[in-house]
Amino acid sequence: MLPHSLNYQKEEEQYSFNKFKMATYKLDITREHCPMTFVKTKIQLSKLNPGDVLEVLLTEGEPLQNVPKSASEQGFKVLEVSHVEGLVHKVLIQK
């Protein structure tokens, strides 16, 4: 979570606003398999404003290899890739 943030939850979508009015959205694709992992990531990214950040939770293997790579190839900025716990990793992607 970003400093000076407020959390909001709307249906399945979670997001927060930082002090610069850019939103950080969360997407959990830990139960998805390729190619749906990047398809769902790209759909969510298409809904964001420039500068907004998408936090993607995904599993090791193909999703972890393909989502950051595909995001970069599509012109998005991968800010961070980090281990959360077990087989779950977090990828921060900025539109």
N, C-alpha and C. Protein backbone atom coordinates (compact mmCIF):
# COMPACT_ATOMS: atom_id res chain seq x y z
N MET A 1 0.84 -1.17 0.00
CA MET A 1 0.00 0.00 0.00
C MET A 1 0.89 1.24 0.00
N LEU A 2 0.47 2.27 -0.68
CA LEU A 2 1.22 3.50 -0.75
C LEU A 2 0.97 4.36 0.48
N PRO A 3 1.97 5.17 0.88
CA PRO A 3 1.75 6.04 2.03
C PRO A 3 0.66 7.07 1.74
N HIS A 4 0.03 7.55 2.76
CA HIS A 4 -1.05 8.54 2.65
C HIS A 4 -2.17 8.05 1.75
N SER A 5 -2.54 6.80 1.90
CA SER A 5 -3.56 6.20 1.03
C SER A 5 -4.86 5.97 1.77
N LEU A 6 -5.92 5.90 1.01
CA LEU A 6 -7.23 5.49 1.50
C LEU A 6 -7.61 4.24 0.75
N ASN A 7 -8.16 3.27 1.43
CA ASN A 7 -8.59 2.04 0.76
C ASN A 7 -10.06 2.09 0.43
N TYR A 8 -10.42 1.54 -0.71
CA TYR A 8 -11.80 1.43 -1.14
C TYR A 8 -11.98 0.03 -1.70
N GLN A 9 -13.18 -0.50 -1.61
CA GLN A 9 -13.45 -1.79 -2.23
C GLN A 9 -14.76 -1.68 -2.97
N LYS A 10 -14.75 -2.09 -4.22
CA LYS A 10 -15.93 -2.04 -5.07
C LYS A 10 -16.05 -3.39 -5.75
N GLU A 11 -17.05 -4.15 -5.39
CA GLU A 11 -17.25 -5.50 -5.88
C GLU A 11 -15.96 -6.31 -5.68
N GLU A 12 -15.40 -6.89 -6.75
CA GLU A 12 -14.19 -7.69 -6.63
C GLU A 12 -12.94 -6.84 -6.80
N GLU A 13 -13.10 -5.60 -7.15
CA GLU A 13 -11.99 -4.74 -7.47
C GLU A 13 -11.56 -3.97 -6.23
N GLN A 14 -10.28 -3.99 -5.91
CA GLN A 14 -9.77 -3.22 -4.79
C GLN A 14 -8.84 -2.15 -5.34
N TYR A 15 -8.88 -0.98 -4.74
CA TYR A 15 -7.99 0.07 -5.16
C TYR A 15 -7.81 1.10 -4.05
N SER A 16 -6.76 1.89 -4.17
CA SER A 16 -6.51 2.96 -3.21
C SER A 16 -6.01 4.17 -3.99
N PHE A 17 -6.13 5.34 -3.39
CA PHE A 17 -5.63 6.56 -4.00
C PHE A 17 -4.48 7.09 -3.18
N ASN A 18 -3.38 7.46 -3.85
CA ASN A 18 -2.29 8.07 -3.12
C ASN A 18 -2.48 9.58 -3.16
N LYS A 19 -1.57 10.31 -2.54
CA LYS A 19 -1.74 11.77 -2.43
C LYS A 19 -1.67 12.48 -3.78
N PHE A 20 -1.22 11.79 -4.84
CA PHE A 20 -1.15 12.38 -6.16
C PHE A 20 -2.38 12.04 -7.01
N LYS A 21 -3.38 11.39 -6.39
CA LYS A 21 -4.63 11.02 -7.05
C LYS A 21 -4.44 9.95 -8.11
N MET A 22 -3.33 9.21 -8.04
CA MET A 22 -3.16 8.05 -8.90
C MET A 22 -3.63 6.84 -8.12
N ALA A 23 -4.30 5.95 -8.77
CA ALA A 23 -4.87 4.80 -8.09
C ALA A 23 -3.96 3.59 -8.20
N THR A 24 -4.01 2.76 -7.17
CA THR A 24 -3.37 1.45 -7.20
C THR A 24 -4.48 0.42 -7.12
N TYR A 25 -4.57 -0.43 -8.13
CA TYR A 25 -5.59 -1.47 -8.20
C TYR A 25 -4.97 -2.82 -7.91
N LYS A 26 -5.77 -3.76 -7.43
CA LYS A 26 -5.29 -5.10 -7.12
C LYS A 26 -6.05 -6.12 -7.96
N LEU A 27 -5.29 -7.10 -8.47
CA LEU A 27 -5.86 -8.16 -9.28
C LEU A 27 -5.24 -9.48 -8.84
N ASP A 28 -6.06 -10.43 -8.43
CA ASP A 28 -5.60 -11.74 -7.99
C ASP A 28 -5.87 -12.75 -9.10
N ILE A 29 -4.79 -13.22 -9.73
CA ILE A 29 -4.93 -14.22 -10.79
C ILE A 29 -4.23 -15.52 -10.40
N THR A 30 -4.16 -15.77 -9.10
CA THR A 30 -3.47 -16.97 -8.61
C THR A 30 -4.18 -18.26 -9.01
N ARG A 31 -5.44 -18.20 -9.36
CA ARG A 31 -6.19 -19.40 -9.76
C ARG A 31 -6.31 -19.52 -11.27
N GLU A 32 -5.70 -18.61 -11.99
CA GLU A 32 -5.77 -18.61 -13.46
C GLU A 32 -4.55 -19.32 -14.04
N HIS A 33 -4.69 -19.74 -15.30
CA HIS A 33 -3.62 -20.40 -16.03
C HIS A 33 -3.35 -19.63 -17.31
N CYS A 34 -2.14 -19.72 -17.82
CA CYS A 34 -1.80 -19.08 -19.08
C CYS A 34 -2.66 -19.66 -20.19
N PRO A 35 -3.14 -18.88 -21.13
CA PRO A 35 -2.82 -17.47 -21.34
C PRO A 35 -3.75 -16.50 -20.61
N MET A 36 -4.69 -17.00 -19.83
CA MET A 36 -5.66 -16.11 -19.18
C MET A 36 -5.01 -15.18 -18.17
N THR A 37 -3.83 -15.54 -17.65
CA THR A 37 -3.18 -14.67 -16.66
C THR A 37 -2.89 -13.30 -17.27
N PHE A 38 -2.30 -13.27 -18.45
CA PHE A 38 -2.01 -11.97 -19.05
C PHE A 38 -3.25 -11.35 -19.68
N VAL A 39 -4.16 -12.15 -20.18
CA VAL A 39 -5.40 -11.61 -20.76
C VAL A 39 -6.14 -10.80 -19.69
N LYS A 40 -6.31 -11.37 -18.49
CA LYS A 40 -7.01 -10.65 -17.42
C LYS A 40 -6.21 -9.43 -16.95
N THR A 41 -4.88 -9.57 -16.92
CA THR A 41 -4.03 -8.44 -16.54
C THR A 41 -4.18 -7.30 -17.55
N LYS A 42 -4.13 -7.62 -18.82
CA LYS A 42 -4.24 -6.60 -19.87
C LYS A 42 -5.61 -5.92 -19.86
N ILE A 43 -6.66 -6.69 -19.62
CA ILE A 43 -8.01 -6.10 -19.54
C ILE A 43 -8.07 -5.10 -18.40
N GLN A 44 -7.53 -5.47 -17.24
CA GLN A 44 -7.56 -4.54 -16.09
C GLN A 44 -6.70 -3.31 -16.37
N LEU A 45 -5.53 -3.51 -16.98
CA LEU A 45 -4.67 -2.36 -17.31
C LEU A 45 -5.35 -1.41 -18.28
N SER A 46 -6.15 -1.92 -19.19
CA SER A 46 -6.84 -1.07 -20.16
C SER A 46 -7.85 -0.14 -19.50
N LYS A 47 -8.31 -0.49 -18.31
CA LYS A 47 -9.29 0.32 -17.58
C LYS A 47 -8.64 1.44 -16.76
N LEU A 48 -7.32 1.38 -16.61
CA LEU A 48 -6.63 2.34 -15.74
C LEU A 48 -6.27 3.62 -16.47
N ASN A 49 -6.05 4.66 -15.70
CA ASN A 49 -5.56 5.93 -16.23
C ASN A 49 -4.04 5.89 -16.29
N PRO A 50 -3.42 6.67 -17.18
CA PRO A 50 -1.96 6.71 -17.22
C PRO A 50 -1.39 7.07 -15.83
N GLY A 51 -0.38 6.34 -15.42
CA GLY A 51 0.24 6.57 -14.11
C GLY A 51 -0.31 5.68 -13.02
N ASP A 52 -1.51 5.13 -13.20
CA ASP A 52 -2.08 4.21 -12.22
C ASP A 52 -1.25 2.93 -12.17
N VAL A 53 -1.33 2.24 -11.03
CA VAL A 53 -0.54 1.03 -10.82
C VAL A 53 -1.47 -0.15 -10.57
N LEU A 54 -1.15 -1.27 -11.18
CA LEU A 54 -1.88 -2.51 -10.97
C LEU A 54 -0.99 -3.47 -10.20
N GLU A 55 -1.48 -3.92 -9.04
CA GLU A 55 -0.77 -4.92 -8.23
C GLU A 55 -1.37 -6.28 -8.57
N VAL A 56 -0.57 -7.14 -9.18
CA VAL A 56 -1.04 -8.44 -9.63
C VAL A 56 -0.47 -9.53 -8.74
N LEU A 57 -1.35 -10.35 -8.16
CA LEU A 57 -0.91 -11.53 -7.42
C LEU A 57 -1.01 -12.72 -8.36
N LEU A 58 0.10 -13.47 -8.48
CA LEU A 58 0.14 -14.61 -9.38
C LEU A 58 1.03 -15.70 -8.81
N THR A 59 1.02 -16.86 -9.45
CA THR A 59 1.80 -17.99 -8.96
C THR A 59 3.09 -18.15 -9.76
N GLU A 60 3.99 -18.96 -9.18
CA GLU A 60 5.25 -19.27 -9.84
C GLU A 60 5.01 -19.99 -11.16
N GLY A 61 6.07 -20.10 -11.93
CA GLY A 61 5.99 -20.82 -13.20
C GLY A 61 5.65 -19.89 -14.34
N GLU A 62 4.82 -20.37 -15.25
CA GLU A 62 4.47 -19.60 -16.44
C GLU A 62 3.90 -18.22 -16.12
N PRO A 63 2.95 -18.09 -15.19
CA PRO A 63 2.43 -16.75 -14.92
C PRO A 63 3.52 -15.77 -14.48
N LEU A 64 4.40 -16.19 -13.59
CA LEU A 64 5.47 -15.32 -13.10
C LEU A 64 6.46 -14.98 -14.21
N GLN A 65 6.69 -15.90 -15.12
CA GLN A 65 7.61 -15.64 -16.23
C GLN A 65 6.95 -14.76 -17.30
N ASN A 66 5.68 -15.04 -17.60
CA ASN A 66 5.04 -14.41 -18.74
C ASN A 66 4.39 -13.06 -18.48
N VAL A 67 3.76 -12.86 -17.34
CA VAL A 67 3.02 -11.61 -17.11
C VAL A 67 3.96 -10.39 -17.10
N PRO A 68 5.05 -10.39 -16.31
CA PRO A 68 5.93 -9.21 -16.36
C PRO A 68 6.55 -8.99 -17.75
N LYS A 69 6.96 -10.07 -18.40
CA LYS A 69 7.56 -9.98 -19.73
C LYS A 69 6.56 -9.41 -20.74
N SER A 70 5.35 -9.95 -20.74
CA SER A 70 4.31 -9.49 -21.68
C SER A 70 3.92 -8.04 -21.40
N ALA A 71 3.84 -7.68 -20.13
CA ALA A 71 3.50 -6.29 -19.78
C ALA A 71 4.54 -5.33 -20.32
N SER A 72 5.81 -5.67 -20.14
CA SER A 72 6.89 -4.82 -20.66
C SER A 72 6.83 -4.72 -22.18
N GLU A 73 6.61 -5.84 -22.82
CA GLU A 73 6.52 -5.86 -24.29
C GLU A 73 5.35 -5.03 -24.81
N GLN A 74 4.29 -4.90 -24.01
CA GLN A 74 3.12 -4.12 -24.39
C GLN A 74 3.28 -2.64 -24.06
N GLY A 75 4.42 -2.26 -23.48
CA GLY A 75 4.68 -0.85 -23.20
C GLY A 75 4.36 -0.40 -21.79
N PHE A 76 4.02 -1.32 -20.91
CA PHE A 76 3.77 -0.98 -19.52
C PHE A 76 5.07 -1.05 -18.73
N LYS A 77 5.13 -0.36 -17.61
CA LYS A 77 6.34 -0.33 -16.79
C LYS A 77 6.18 -1.29 -15.60
N VAL A 78 7.03 -2.29 -15.54
CA VAL A 78 7.03 -3.22 -14.42
C VAL A 78 7.89 -2.59 -13.32
N LEU A 79 7.22 -2.21 -12.22
CA LEU A 79 7.89 -1.51 -11.13
C LEU A 79 8.56 -2.46 -10.14
N GLU A 80 7.95 -3.63 -9.94
CA GLU A 80 8.45 -4.54 -8.91
C GLU A 80 7.93 -5.95 -9.16
N VAL A 81 8.78 -6.91 -8.86
CA VAL A 81 8.38 -8.32 -8.81
C VAL A 81 8.92 -8.84 -7.48
N SER A 82 8.03 -9.32 -6.61
CA SER A 82 8.47 -9.77 -5.28
C SER A 82 7.69 -11.01 -4.84
N HIS A 83 8.32 -11.77 -3.97
CA HIS A 83 7.72 -12.98 -3.42
C HIS A 83 6.81 -12.58 -2.26
N VAL A 84 5.61 -13.13 -2.20
CA VAL A 84 4.67 -12.85 -1.11
C VAL A 84 4.75 -13.96 -0.08
N GLU A 85 4.37 -15.17 -0.48
CA GLU A 85 4.49 -16.35 0.38
C GLU A 85 4.19 -17.60 -0.44
N GLY A 86 4.78 -18.71 -0.04
CA GLY A 86 4.54 -19.96 -0.75
C GLY A 86 4.85 -19.81 -2.23
N LEU A 87 3.87 -20.11 -3.07
CA LEU A 87 4.04 -20.01 -4.52
C LEU A 87 3.55 -18.68 -5.08
N VAL A 88 3.11 -17.77 -4.21
CA VAL A 88 2.49 -16.51 -4.66
C VAL A 88 3.53 -15.38 -4.74
N HIS A 89 3.44 -14.64 -5.84
CA HIS A 89 4.31 -13.49 -6.07
C HIS A 89 3.45 -12.28 -6.41
N LYS A 90 4.05 -11.10 -6.26
CA LYS A 90 3.36 -9.84 -6.55
C LYS A 90 4.14 -9.11 -7.64
N VAL A 91 3.41 -8.59 -8.62
CA VAL A 91 4.00 -7.80 -9.69
C VAL A 91 3.28 -6.45 -9.70
N LEU A 92 4.04 -5.38 -9.63
CA LEU A 92 3.48 -4.02 -9.74
C LEU A 92 3.73 -3.52 -11.14
N ILE A 93 2.64 -3.15 -11.83
CA ILE A 93 2.73 -2.68 -13.22
C ILE A 93 2.10 -1.31 -13.31
N GLN A 94 2.83 -0.36 -13.88
CA GLN A 94 2.30 1.00 -14.04
C GLN A 94 1.88 1.20 -15.50
N LYS A 95 0.69 1.79 -15.65
CA LYS A 95 0.20 2.08 -17.00
C LYS A 95 0.87 3.32 -17.51
